[in-house]
Protein backbone atom coordinates (compact mmCIF):
# COMPACT_ATOMS: atom_id res chain seq x y z
CA MET A 1 131.53 261.47 238.83
CA THR A 2 132.07 265.03 237.72
CA VAL A 3 130.17 268.21 238.50
CA GLU A 4 128.69 268.20 234.99
CA GLN A 5 127.39 264.64 235.38
CA ASP A 6 125.86 265.02 238.84
CA PRO A 7 124.09 268.29 239.65
CA GLY A 8 123.90 267.20 243.30
CA ILE A 9 127.66 267.60 243.85
CA ASP A 10 128.30 270.65 246.02
CA ALA A 11 132.09 270.32 246.30
CA PHE A 12 134.85 268.30 244.71
CA ALA A 13 138.57 267.66 245.15
CA ILE A 14 140.93 269.03 242.53
CA GLN A 15 142.82 265.76 242.43
CA GLU A 16 142.25 262.34 243.97
CA GLY A 17 143.46 262.52 247.57
CA SER A 18 143.99 266.29 247.40
CA VAL A 19 143.27 268.51 250.37
CA ILE A 20 142.07 271.27 248.04
CA ARG A 21 138.32 271.20 247.57
CA VAL A 22 136.28 273.46 245.33
CA GLN A 23 132.87 274.57 246.61
CA CYS A 24 130.48 274.95 243.68
CA LYS A 25 127.08 275.07 245.39
CA SER A 26 126.74 278.87 245.45
CA ALA A 27 127.95 279.23 241.85
CA ARG A 28 125.53 276.53 240.71
CA LYS A 29 122.62 278.27 242.47
CA GLU A 30 123.58 281.61 240.93
CA VAL A 31 123.69 280.10 237.44
CA GLU A 32 120.37 278.30 237.96
CA THR A 33 118.72 281.52 239.17
CA GLY A 34 120.09 283.46 236.19
CA LEU A 35 118.87 280.81 233.74
CA ARG A 36 115.42 280.82 235.34
CA ARG A 37 115.22 284.61 235.08
CA LEU A 38 116.38 284.49 231.45
CA ALA A 39 113.68 281.89 230.67
CA ASP A 40 111.09 284.20 232.28
CA ALA A 41 112.35 287.16 230.23
CA THR A 42 112.27 285.13 227.02
CA ARG A 43 108.68 283.98 227.65
CA MET A 44 107.41 287.55 228.00
CA VAL A 45 108.95 288.75 224.71
CA THR A 46 107.92 288.10 221.13
CA SER A 47 109.43 289.03 217.79
CA ASP A 48 107.61 288.98 214.47
CA PRO A 49 109.01 290.36 211.20
CA GLU A 50 105.53 291.74 210.45
CA VAL A 51 105.43 293.73 213.71
CA MET A 52 107.84 296.64 214.09
CA ARG A 53 110.28 295.03 211.64
CA GLY A 54 110.95 292.15 214.02
CA GLU A 55 111.96 294.33 216.97
CA PRO A 56 111.51 292.29 220.20
CA VAL A 57 108.43 293.60 222.01
CA TYR A 58 106.62 292.60 225.17
CA ARG A 59 104.03 289.97 224.36
CA GLY A 60 100.62 291.55 223.75
CA THR A 61 102.05 295.07 223.31
CA LEU A 62 104.06 297.12 220.84
CA ILE A 63 106.51 298.22 223.54
CA PRO A 64 110.10 297.43 222.49
CA VAL A 65 112.18 295.63 225.13
CA HIS A 66 115.39 297.37 224.03
CA GLY A 67 113.71 300.75 224.48
CA ILE A 68 112.78 299.97 228.08
CA ALA A 69 116.29 298.67 228.83
CA ASP A 70 117.75 301.84 227.26
CA MET A 71 115.54 303.97 229.50
CA LEU A 72 116.82 302.12 232.58
CA MET A 73 120.45 302.52 231.46
CA GLN A 74 119.87 306.26 231.05
CA GLY A 75 118.70 306.56 234.65
CA ALA A 76 114.93 306.17 234.46
CA THR A 77 113.34 304.52 237.47
CA VAL A 78 111.17 301.42 237.32
CA ALA A 79 108.33 303.40 238.88
CA GLY A 80 108.66 306.13 236.25
CA ILE A 81 108.60 303.61 233.42
CA LEU A 82 105.55 301.86 234.90
CA GLU A 83 103.78 305.19 235.10
CA GLY A 84 104.39 305.82 231.40
CA TYR A 85 103.73 302.23 230.33
CA PRO A 86 100.88 300.84 232.47
CA ALA A 87 100.72 297.69 230.31
CA LEU A 88 104.05 296.58 231.78
CA THR A 89 104.71 294.94 235.13
CA ARG A 90 107.60 295.56 237.49
CA GLU A 91 109.02 292.13 236.59
CA LYS A 92 108.98 292.89 232.86
CA VAL A 93 110.80 296.18 233.35
CA GLU A 94 113.37 294.67 235.73
CA LEU A 95 114.12 291.76 233.39
CA SER A 96 114.63 293.95 230.29
CA PRO A 97 118.40 294.54 230.86
CA LEU A 98 118.94 290.79 231.24
CA TYR A 99 117.08 290.10 227.98
CA VAL A 100 119.03 292.82 226.15
CA LYS A 101 122.35 291.41 227.38
CA ALA A 102 121.41 287.90 226.26
CA PHE A 103 119.92 289.02 222.94
CA PRO A 104 121.64 292.21 221.73
CA ARG A 105 120.42 294.04 218.65
CA ARG A 106 121.80 292.61 215.44
CA GLY A 107 123.20 294.34 212.43
CA ARG A 108 124.41 297.82 211.90
CA PRO A 109 122.96 300.71 213.84
CA ALA A 110 120.12 302.47 212.09
CA VAL A 111 121.21 305.32 209.86
CA ARG A 112 119.89 308.59 211.20
CA SER A 113 120.41 311.05 208.39
CA TRP A 114 119.03 313.89 210.51
CA ALA A 115 121.69 313.37 213.22
CA THR A 116 124.52 314.87 211.17
CA ARG A 117 122.59 317.64 209.45
CA ARG A 118 122.33 321.15 210.76
CA PRO A 119 118.82 322.48 211.31
CA ALA A 120 117.36 324.46 208.42
CA ALA A 121 117.63 328.18 208.90
CA SER A 122 114.30 329.90 209.39
């Protein structure tokens, strides 16, 4: 039996009769935990082409998941985000970076014509 065939295997020998054994229990638990968290993140997000051009948002809101993850990456705290977005829960905010890693934005970045222009003189 191999590790892939039997999820109950916690260690295995590299070769028949080998003294080298590979412990896989902790790695398996880490992967299972990550997959469970990703499933939780996926359940709390929805995407509809008719709503915000298909941008992934938290179910029941118009709050974009990528926006919350961007805020965290820029140094915002979970508490600060929750204060500004009371419709969110701590779990939703904490899982946003995981969701964004698993499902990155597609396509080219949005063209921001105003980003390269100088302000109009007044």
